[in-house]
Amino acid sequence: MPEEQDGPETDYTERLWPGPVVWILAAASICALAVAYGTSMGAVIGWAVAASLSALGVVLIAWSAARIRVTPDQLRAGRATIGWEHTGRVLALDGDQSRMARGPQGDPTAFFLLRPGVGPGAVVVEVVDHEDPHATWLLASRHPQRLARAIEGARGRLSP
């Protein structure tokens, strides 16, 4: 999915839609249920099950697709938010670096926003708030370089 812009107060928005495997599994499950109901109760019921489950599946997948939003005041990742005064360095990671950050070499205290099928890239945001239990945020992104630039740009507007 392309980057979404939400208006003048948003510098960057990315919706972390699931990859094709999730959509294929959902479609296959819906088809199997529709055929089973259609075979036992008639074609009209089968088509009704297919239509209603398809609508429900799209709504549930859309609802579960987390959003990353960079605004002049904060970074929002899913339901979590952090103000710019609590953030430090930002680093865009490629596929290998992202795998290492998610694995045993990564920070065990990190806040993770990862979604299957988003891609290999990620962004690490340092948290400088000593009250926060997370030392870093690791955010999956299809465009890690753009997300990192947007975060740095928004943070650059802070007054010293």
N, C-alpha and C. Protein backbone atom coordinates (compact mmCIF):
# COMPACT_ATOMS: atom_id res chain seq x y z
N MET A 1 0.83 -1.18 0.00
CA MET A 1 0.00 0.00 0.00
C MET A 1 0.88 1.24 0.00
N PRO A 2 0.53 2.25 -0.74
CA PRO A 2 1.32 3.47 -0.74
C PRO A 2 1.14 4.24 0.55
N GLU A 3 2.08 5.15 0.75
CA GLU A 3 2.04 6.02 1.92
C GLU A 3 0.78 6.87 1.89
N GLU A 4 0.16 7.04 3.05
CA GLU A 4 -1.07 7.83 3.16
C GLU A 4 -0.74 9.14 3.86
N GLN A 5 -1.32 10.22 3.40
CA GLN A 5 -1.16 11.50 4.07
C GLN A 5 -2.48 11.89 4.71
N ASP A 6 -2.43 12.36 5.94
CA ASP A 6 -3.64 12.65 6.69
C ASP A 6 -3.91 14.13 6.85
N GLY A 7 -3.24 14.98 6.17
CA GLY A 7 -3.50 16.40 6.28
C GLY A 7 -2.27 17.16 6.68
N PRO A 8 -2.42 18.46 6.97
CA PRO A 8 -1.27 19.30 7.23
C PRO A 8 -0.55 18.98 8.53
N GLU A 9 -1.20 18.35 9.48
CA GLU A 9 -0.56 18.05 10.76
C GLU A 9 0.21 16.72 10.75
N THR A 10 0.16 15.98 9.66
CA THR A 10 0.82 14.69 9.58
C THR A 10 1.97 14.75 8.60
N ASP A 11 3.17 14.38 9.06
CA ASP A 11 4.33 14.36 8.19
C ASP A 11 4.46 13.04 7.43
N TYR A 12 4.02 11.95 8.05
CA TYR A 12 4.17 10.63 7.44
C TYR A 12 3.15 9.69 8.07
N THR A 13 2.52 8.88 7.26
CA THR A 13 1.62 7.84 7.74
C THR A 13 1.84 6.59 6.91
N GLU A 14 1.93 5.48 7.58
CA GLU A 14 2.06 4.20 6.90
C GLU A 14 1.16 3.18 7.59
N ARG A 15 0.34 2.51 6.82
CA ARG A 15 -0.52 1.46 7.34
C ARG A 15 0.18 0.14 7.07
N LEU A 16 0.35 -0.67 8.10
CA LEU A 16 1.04 -1.95 7.99
C LEU A 16 0.04 -3.06 7.64
N TRP A 17 -0.36 -3.07 6.38
CA TRP A 17 -1.27 -4.12 5.89
C TRP A 17 -0.55 -5.45 5.90
N PRO A 18 -1.27 -6.53 6.17
CA PRO A 18 -0.64 -7.85 6.11
C PRO A 18 -0.25 -8.21 4.69
N GLY A 19 0.68 -9.13 4.59
CA GLY A 19 1.16 -9.57 3.29
C GLY A 19 0.17 -10.47 2.58
N PRO A 20 0.52 -10.89 1.38
CA PRO A 20 -0.40 -11.69 0.57
C PRO A 20 -0.76 -13.05 1.18
N VAL A 21 0.10 -13.61 2.00
CA VAL A 21 -0.19 -14.91 2.60
C VAL A 21 -1.44 -14.84 3.47
N VAL A 22 -1.59 -13.77 4.24
CA VAL A 22 -2.77 -13.62 5.10
C VAL A 22 -4.03 -13.52 4.27
N TRP A 23 -3.98 -12.73 3.19
CA TRP A 23 -5.15 -12.59 2.31
C TRP A 23 -5.50 -13.91 1.64
N ILE A 24 -4.49 -14.66 1.22
CA ILE A 24 -4.74 -15.95 0.55
C ILE A 24 -5.34 -16.95 1.54
N LEU A 25 -4.80 -17.00 2.77
CA LEU A 25 -5.35 -17.91 3.77
C LEU A 25 -6.79 -17.54 4.13
N ALA A 26 -7.06 -16.24 4.25
CA ALA A 26 -8.43 -15.82 4.55
C ALA A 26 -9.37 -16.20 3.42
N ALA A 27 -8.96 -15.97 2.17
CA ALA A 27 -9.81 -16.31 1.03
C ALA A 27 -10.05 -17.82 0.94
N ALA A 28 -8.99 -18.61 1.18
CA ALA A 28 -9.14 -20.06 1.13
C ALA A 28 -10.09 -20.56 2.22
N SER A 29 -9.98 -20.01 3.42
CA SER A 29 -10.87 -20.41 4.50
C SER A 29 -12.32 -20.04 4.20
N ILE A 30 -12.52 -18.85 3.67
CA ILE A 30 -13.87 -18.42 3.31
C ILE A 30 -14.46 -19.31 2.22
N CYS A 31 -13.66 -19.62 1.22
CA CYS A 31 -14.13 -20.50 0.13
C CYS A 31 -14.50 -21.88 0.66
N ALA A 32 -13.67 -22.42 1.54
CA ALA A 32 -13.95 -23.75 2.09
C ALA A 32 -15.26 -23.74 2.87
N LEU A 33 -15.47 -22.74 3.70
CA LEU A 33 -16.72 -22.67 4.46
C LEU A 33 -17.92 -22.44 3.54
N ALA A 34 -17.77 -21.60 2.54
CA ALA A 34 -18.88 -21.33 1.61
C ALA A 34 -19.25 -22.59 0.83
N VAL A 35 -18.27 -23.35 0.39
CA VAL A 35 -18.56 -24.59 -0.33
C VAL A 35 -19.23 -25.59 0.60
N ALA A 36 -18.74 -25.69 1.83
CA ALA A 36 -19.34 -26.64 2.77
C ALA A 36 -20.80 -26.29 3.05
N TYR A 37 -21.08 -25.02 3.32
CA TYR A 37 -22.47 -24.61 3.56
C TYR A 37 -23.30 -24.72 2.29
N GLY A 38 -22.72 -24.35 1.16
CA GLY A 38 -23.45 -24.42 -0.10
C GLY A 38 -23.81 -25.85 -0.48
N THR A 39 -22.92 -26.79 -0.20
CA THR A 39 -23.18 -28.19 -0.51
C THR A 39 -24.28 -28.76 0.36
N SER A 40 -24.25 -28.40 1.64
CA SER A 40 -25.22 -29.00 2.55
C SER A 40 -26.56 -28.24 2.62
N MET A 41 -26.56 -26.94 2.35
CA MET A 41 -27.77 -26.15 2.54
C MET A 41 -28.25 -25.45 1.26
N GLY A 42 -27.52 -25.56 0.19
CA GLY A 42 -27.94 -24.94 -1.06
C GLY A 42 -27.02 -23.80 -1.48
N ALA A 43 -27.06 -23.51 -2.78
CA ALA A 43 -26.16 -22.52 -3.36
C ALA A 43 -26.41 -21.11 -2.80
N VAL A 44 -27.66 -20.77 -2.55
CA VAL A 44 -27.95 -19.42 -2.04
C VAL A 44 -27.29 -19.21 -0.68
N ILE A 45 -27.40 -20.20 0.18
CA ILE A 45 -26.77 -20.12 1.51
C ILE A 45 -25.25 -20.06 1.35
N GLY A 46 -24.69 -20.85 0.46
CA GLY A 46 -23.25 -20.83 0.21
C GLY A 46 -22.76 -19.46 -0.21
N TRP A 47 -23.47 -18.84 -1.15
CA TRP A 47 -23.10 -17.51 -1.61
C TRP A 47 -23.29 -16.47 -0.50
N ALA A 48 -24.32 -16.62 0.31
CA ALA A 48 -24.53 -15.69 1.42
C ALA A 48 -23.41 -15.80 2.45
N VAL A 49 -22.99 -17.03 2.73
CA VAL A 49 -21.87 -17.24 3.66
C VAL A 49 -20.60 -16.63 3.07
N ALA A 50 -20.35 -16.84 1.79
CA ALA A 50 -19.16 -16.29 1.15
C ALA A 50 -19.16 -14.76 1.22
N ALA A 51 -20.28 -14.15 0.93
CA ALA A 51 -20.35 -12.68 0.94
C ALA A 51 -20.18 -12.12 2.34
N SER A 52 -20.89 -12.72 3.30
CA SER A 52 -20.82 -12.17 4.66
C SER A 52 -19.44 -12.40 5.28
N LEU A 53 -18.85 -13.57 5.08
CA LEU A 53 -17.52 -13.83 5.63
C LEU A 53 -16.45 -12.99 4.93
N SER A 54 -16.62 -12.72 3.65
CA SER A 54 -15.66 -11.86 2.94
C SER A 54 -15.69 -10.45 3.51
N ALA A 55 -16.89 -9.92 3.71
CA ALA A 55 -17.01 -8.58 4.30
C ALA A 55 -16.41 -8.55 5.70
N LEU A 56 -16.73 -9.56 6.50
CA LEU A 56 -16.19 -9.62 7.86
C LEU A 56 -14.67 -9.75 7.83
N GLY A 57 -14.14 -10.57 6.92
CA GLY A 57 -12.69 -10.74 6.83
C GLY A 57 -11.97 -9.45 6.46
N VAL A 58 -12.50 -8.72 5.51
CA VAL A 58 -11.89 -7.45 5.12
C VAL A 58 -11.92 -6.46 6.27
N VAL A 59 -13.04 -6.39 6.98
CA VAL A 59 -13.14 -5.48 8.12
C VAL A 59 -12.14 -5.85 9.21
N LEU A 60 -12.03 -7.14 9.53
CA LEU A 60 -11.10 -7.56 10.58
C LEU A 60 -9.64 -7.34 10.19
N ILE A 61 -9.30 -7.61 8.94
CA ILE A 61 -7.93 -7.38 8.50
C ILE A 61 -7.62 -5.88 8.50
N ALA A 62 -8.55 -5.06 8.04
CA ALA A 62 -8.33 -3.61 8.05
C ALA A 62 -8.21 -3.09 9.48
N TRP A 63 -9.02 -3.60 10.39
CA TRP A 63 -8.98 -3.18 11.78
C TRP A 63 -7.65 -3.55 12.43
N SER A 64 -7.08 -4.70 12.04
CA SER A 64 -5.83 -5.16 12.66
C SER A 64 -4.59 -4.57 12.03
N ALA A 65 -4.71 -3.85 10.92
CA ALA A 65 -3.56 -3.25 10.26
C ALA A 65 -3.11 -2.02 11.04
N ALA A 66 -1.99 -2.14 11.72
CA ALA A 66 -1.49 -1.04 12.55
C ALA A 66 -1.04 0.12 11.67
N ARG A 67 -1.07 1.31 12.25
CA ARG A 67 -0.67 2.52 11.53
C ARG A 67 0.48 3.19 12.28
N ILE A 68 1.46 3.64 11.52
CA ILE A 68 2.55 4.45 12.06
C ILE A 68 2.32 5.87 11.57
N ARG A 69 2.32 6.81 12.50
CA ARG A 69 2.03 8.20 12.14
C ARG A 69 3.06 9.12 12.80
N VAL A 70 3.66 9.98 11.98
CA VAL A 70 4.60 10.99 12.46
C VAL A 70 3.91 12.35 12.35
N THR A 71 3.77 13.03 13.49
CA THR A 71 3.16 14.37 13.51
C THR A 71 4.17 15.35 14.10
N PRO A 72 3.90 16.63 14.06
CA PRO A 72 4.84 17.59 14.66
C PRO A 72 5.04 17.39 16.16
N ASP A 73 4.09 16.74 16.84
CA ASP A 73 4.16 16.59 18.29
C ASP A 73 4.65 15.24 18.77
N GLN A 74 4.41 14.17 17.98
CA GLN A 74 4.66 12.84 18.51
C GLN A 74 4.81 11.81 17.40
N LEU A 75 5.26 10.63 17.83
CA LEU A 75 5.29 9.44 16.99
C LEU A 75 4.23 8.50 17.53
N ARG A 76 3.38 8.02 16.65
CA ARG A 76 2.33 7.08 17.04
C ARG A 76 2.58 5.79 16.27
N ALA A 77 2.67 4.68 16.99
CA ALA A 77 2.88 3.37 16.39
C ALA A 77 1.81 2.43 16.95
N GLY A 78 0.80 2.14 16.13
CA GLY A 78 -0.34 1.38 16.65
C GLY A 78 -1.07 2.24 17.66
N ARG A 79 -1.24 1.72 18.88
CA ARG A 79 -1.90 2.49 19.94
C ARG A 79 -0.91 3.25 20.82
N ALA A 80 0.38 2.99 20.64
CA ALA A 80 1.40 3.62 21.48
C ALA A 80 1.82 4.97 20.90
N THR A 81 2.11 5.92 21.78
CA THR A 81 2.59 7.23 21.36
C THR A 81 3.79 7.62 22.21
N ILE A 82 4.65 8.43 21.61
CA ILE A 82 5.79 8.98 22.35
C ILE A 82 6.06 10.38 21.82
N GLY A 83 6.26 11.30 22.74
CA GLY A 83 6.57 12.68 22.37
C GLY A 83 8.03 12.80 21.93
N TRP A 84 8.30 13.80 21.12
CA TRP A 84 9.66 13.95 20.58
C TRP A 84 10.68 14.22 21.66
N GLU A 85 10.27 14.84 22.78
CA GLU A 85 11.22 15.12 23.85
C GLU A 85 11.74 13.85 24.52
N HIS A 86 11.08 12.72 24.27
CA HIS A 86 11.50 11.44 24.87
C HIS A 86 12.23 10.54 23.89
N THR A 87 12.53 11.05 22.70
CA THR A 87 13.20 10.22 21.69
C THR A 87 14.63 10.69 21.48
N GLY A 88 15.45 9.73 21.09
CA GLY A 88 16.85 10.01 20.79
C GLY A 88 17.14 9.72 19.33
N ARG A 89 18.20 8.96 19.11
CA ARG A 89 18.64 8.66 17.75
C ARG A 89 17.64 7.79 17.01
N VAL A 90 17.68 7.89 15.70
CA VAL A 90 16.80 7.11 14.82
C VAL A 90 17.69 6.42 13.80
N LEU A 91 17.40 5.14 13.54
CA LEU A 91 18.21 4.38 12.59
C LEU A 91 17.31 3.53 11.72
N ALA A 92 17.45 3.68 10.40
CA ALA A 92 16.73 2.82 9.46
C ALA A 92 17.54 1.54 9.26
N LEU A 93 16.87 0.40 9.32
CA LEU A 93 17.54 -0.89 9.20
C LEU A 93 17.15 -1.58 7.90
N ASP A 94 18.13 -2.26 7.29
CA ASP A 94 17.81 -3.09 6.14
C ASP A 94 17.37 -4.47 6.64
N GLY A 95 17.16 -5.41 5.73
CA GLY A 95 16.65 -6.73 6.09
C GLY A 95 17.51 -7.48 7.09
N ASP A 96 18.82 -7.54 6.86
CA ASP A 96 19.70 -8.28 7.77
C ASP A 96 19.78 -7.62 9.13
N GLN A 97 19.90 -6.31 9.16
CA GLN A 97 19.95 -5.59 10.43
C GLN A 97 18.64 -5.75 11.19
N SER A 98 17.53 -5.72 10.48
CA SER A 98 16.22 -5.88 11.11
C SER A 98 16.07 -7.27 11.72
N ARG A 99 16.52 -8.29 11.01
CA ARG A 99 16.47 -9.66 11.56
C ARG A 99 17.30 -9.77 12.83
N MET A 100 18.46 -9.14 12.84
CA MET A 100 19.31 -9.18 14.03
C MET A 100 18.65 -8.43 15.19
N ALA A 101 18.00 -7.30 14.90
CA ALA A 101 17.35 -6.52 15.96
C ALA A 101 16.15 -7.25 16.55
N ARG A 102 15.50 -8.09 15.75
CA ARG A 102 14.37 -8.87 16.25
C ARG A 102 14.81 -10.15 16.95
N GLY A 103 16.03 -10.56 16.72
CA GLY A 103 16.52 -11.84 17.23
C GLY A 103 17.24 -11.73 18.56
N PRO A 104 18.05 -12.72 18.86
CA PRO A 104 18.75 -12.77 20.16
C PRO A 104 19.72 -11.61 20.38
N GLN A 105 20.24 -11.00 19.31
CA GLN A 105 21.15 -9.88 19.47
C GLN A 105 20.41 -8.56 19.72
N GLY A 106 19.10 -8.57 19.63
CA GLY A 106 18.31 -7.36 19.79
C GLY A 106 18.11 -6.96 21.23
N ASP A 107 17.50 -5.81 21.40
CA ASP A 107 17.22 -5.26 22.72
C ASP A 107 15.99 -5.95 23.32
N PRO A 108 16.14 -6.66 24.44
CA PRO A 108 14.99 -7.36 25.03
C PRO A 108 13.97 -6.41 25.65
N THR A 109 14.34 -5.15 25.87
CA THR A 109 13.40 -4.20 26.46
C THR A 109 12.69 -3.35 25.40
N ALA A 110 12.91 -3.66 24.14
CA ALA A 110 12.35 -2.83 23.06
C ALA A 110 10.83 -3.00 22.96
N PHE A 111 10.19 -1.92 22.51
CA PHE A 111 8.79 -1.97 22.11
C PHE A 111 8.77 -2.36 20.64
N PHE A 112 8.04 -3.41 20.30
CA PHE A 112 8.00 -3.91 18.93
C PHE A 112 6.66 -3.63 18.29
N LEU A 113 6.70 -3.13 17.06
CA LEU A 113 5.51 -3.07 16.21
C LEU A 113 5.92 -3.74 14.91
N LEU A 114 5.70 -5.05 14.86
CA LEU A 114 6.09 -5.86 13.72
C LEU A 114 4.86 -6.53 13.15
N ARG A 115 4.78 -6.64 11.84
CA ARG A 115 3.68 -7.31 11.19
C ARG A 115 4.22 -8.22 10.11
N PRO A 116 3.72 -9.46 10.02
CA PRO A 116 4.18 -10.37 8.97
C PRO A 116 3.80 -9.83 7.59
N GLY A 117 4.70 -9.98 6.66
CA GLY A 117 4.43 -9.58 5.29
C GLY A 117 4.69 -8.13 4.99
N VAL A 118 5.11 -7.35 5.99
CA VAL A 118 5.37 -5.93 5.75
C VAL A 118 6.65 -5.75 4.97
N GLY A 119 7.61 -6.59 5.16
CA GLY A 119 8.89 -6.47 4.47
C GLY A 119 10.02 -6.55 5.46
N PRO A 120 11.22 -6.61 4.95
CA PRO A 120 12.36 -6.81 5.84
C PRO A 120 12.83 -5.56 6.57
N GLY A 121 12.45 -4.37 6.13
CA GLY A 121 12.97 -3.15 6.73
C GLY A 121 12.31 -2.79 8.04
N ALA A 122 13.02 -1.98 8.82
CA ALA A 122 12.50 -1.52 10.11
C ALA A 122 13.23 -0.23 10.49
N VAL A 123 12.71 0.41 11.52
CA VAL A 123 13.32 1.63 12.07
C VAL A 123 13.44 1.45 13.57
N VAL A 124 14.60 1.82 14.10
CA VAL A 124 14.81 1.81 15.55
C VAL A 124 14.82 3.25 16.04
N VAL A 125 14.02 3.52 17.07
CA VAL A 125 13.96 4.85 17.68
C VAL A 125 14.41 4.70 19.13
N GLU A 126 15.43 5.43 19.49
CA GLU A 126 15.93 5.39 20.86
C GLU A 126 14.97 6.16 21.78
N VAL A 127 14.71 5.60 22.96
CA VAL A 127 13.87 6.25 23.96
C VAL A 127 14.78 6.77 25.06
N VAL A 128 14.74 8.08 25.32
CA VAL A 128 15.62 8.68 26.33
C VAL A 128 14.89 9.00 27.63
N ASP A 129 13.64 8.62 27.74
CA ASP A 129 12.87 8.81 28.97
C ASP A 129 13.23 7.68 29.94
N HIS A 130 13.81 8.04 31.07
CA HIS A 130 14.24 7.03 32.04
C HIS A 130 13.08 6.36 32.76
N GLU A 131 11.89 6.94 32.69
CA GLU A 131 10.70 6.34 33.29
C GLU A 131 10.08 5.28 32.38
N ASP A 132 10.43 5.31 31.11
CA ASP A 132 9.85 4.37 30.14
C ASP A 132 10.53 3.01 30.27
N PRO A 133 9.77 1.93 30.31
CA PRO A 133 10.40 0.60 30.42
C PRO A 133 11.08 0.13 29.13
N HIS A 134 10.84 0.83 28.03
CA HIS A 134 11.43 0.44 26.75
C HIS A 134 12.60 1.36 26.42
N ALA A 135 13.75 0.74 26.10
CA ALA A 135 14.92 1.53 25.73
C ALA A 135 14.86 1.97 24.27
N THR A 136 14.16 1.20 23.44
CA THR A 136 14.03 1.53 22.02
C THR A 136 12.66 1.10 21.53
N TRP A 137 12.30 1.64 20.37
CA TRP A 137 11.13 1.18 19.62
C TRP A 137 11.65 0.58 18.33
N LEU A 138 11.18 -0.60 17.98
CA LEU A 138 11.51 -1.24 16.71
C LEU A 138 10.22 -1.32 15.90
N LEU A 139 10.17 -0.57 14.80
CA LEU A 139 8.96 -0.45 14.00
C LEU A 139 9.18 -1.02 12.61
N ALA A 140 8.37 -1.99 12.22
CA ALA A 140 8.44 -2.51 10.87
C ALA A 140 7.98 -1.42 9.90
N SER A 141 8.56 -1.39 8.71
CA SER A 141 8.17 -0.40 7.73
C SER A 141 8.52 -0.89 6.33
N ARG A 142 7.63 -0.59 5.40
CA ARG A 142 7.94 -0.86 3.99
C ARG A 142 8.89 0.18 3.43
N HIS A 143 8.97 1.33 4.10
CA HIS A 143 9.81 2.45 3.65
C HIS A 143 10.64 2.97 4.83
N PRO A 144 11.60 2.18 5.33
CA PRO A 144 12.31 2.59 6.55
C PRO A 144 13.10 3.90 6.39
N GLN A 145 13.67 4.14 5.22
CA GLN A 145 14.42 5.38 5.02
C GLN A 145 13.50 6.60 5.11
N ARG A 146 12.33 6.52 4.46
CA ARG A 146 11.38 7.64 4.50
C ARG A 146 10.85 7.87 5.91
N LEU A 147 10.55 6.77 6.62
CA LEU A 147 10.07 6.91 7.99
C LEU A 147 11.13 7.55 8.88
N ALA A 148 12.38 7.11 8.76
CA ALA A 148 13.46 7.69 9.56
C ALA A 148 13.65 9.17 9.24
N ARG A 149 13.59 9.55 7.96
CA ARG A 149 13.71 10.97 7.59
C ARG A 149 12.55 11.79 8.15
N ALA A 150 11.35 11.23 8.11
CA ALA A 150 10.19 11.95 8.65
C ALA A 150 10.33 12.16 10.16
N ILE A 151 10.82 11.16 10.87
CA ILE A 151 11.01 11.27 12.31
C ILE A 151 12.07 12.33 12.61
N GLU A 152 13.18 12.27 11.90
CA GLU A 152 14.24 13.26 12.11
C GLU A 152 13.75 14.66 11.77
N GLY A 153 12.95 14.79 10.71
CA GLY A 153 12.41 16.09 10.34
C GLY A 153 11.48 16.65 11.40
N ALA A 154 10.61 15.80 11.94
CA ALA A 154 9.69 16.25 12.98
C ALA A 154 10.43 16.59 14.26
N ARG A 155 11.43 15.81 14.61
CA ARG A 155 12.22 16.08 15.81
C ARG A 155 13.04 17.35 15.65
N GLY A 156 13.44 17.66 14.42
CA GLY A 156 14.26 18.86 14.17
C GLY A 156 13.52 20.15 14.42
N ARG A 157 12.19 20.09 14.49
CA ARG A 157 11.40 21.29 14.76
C ARG A 157 11.32 21.62 16.24
N LEU A 158 11.84 20.73 17.08
CA LEU A 158 11.80 20.99 18.52
C LEU A 158 12.71 22.16 18.86
N SER A 159 12.29 22.99 19.78
CA SER A 159 13.15 24.08 20.24
C SER A 159 14.07 23.53 21.32
N PRO A 160 15.33 23.99 21.36
CA PRO A 160 16.29 23.45 22.36
C PRO A 160 15.94 23.81 23.78
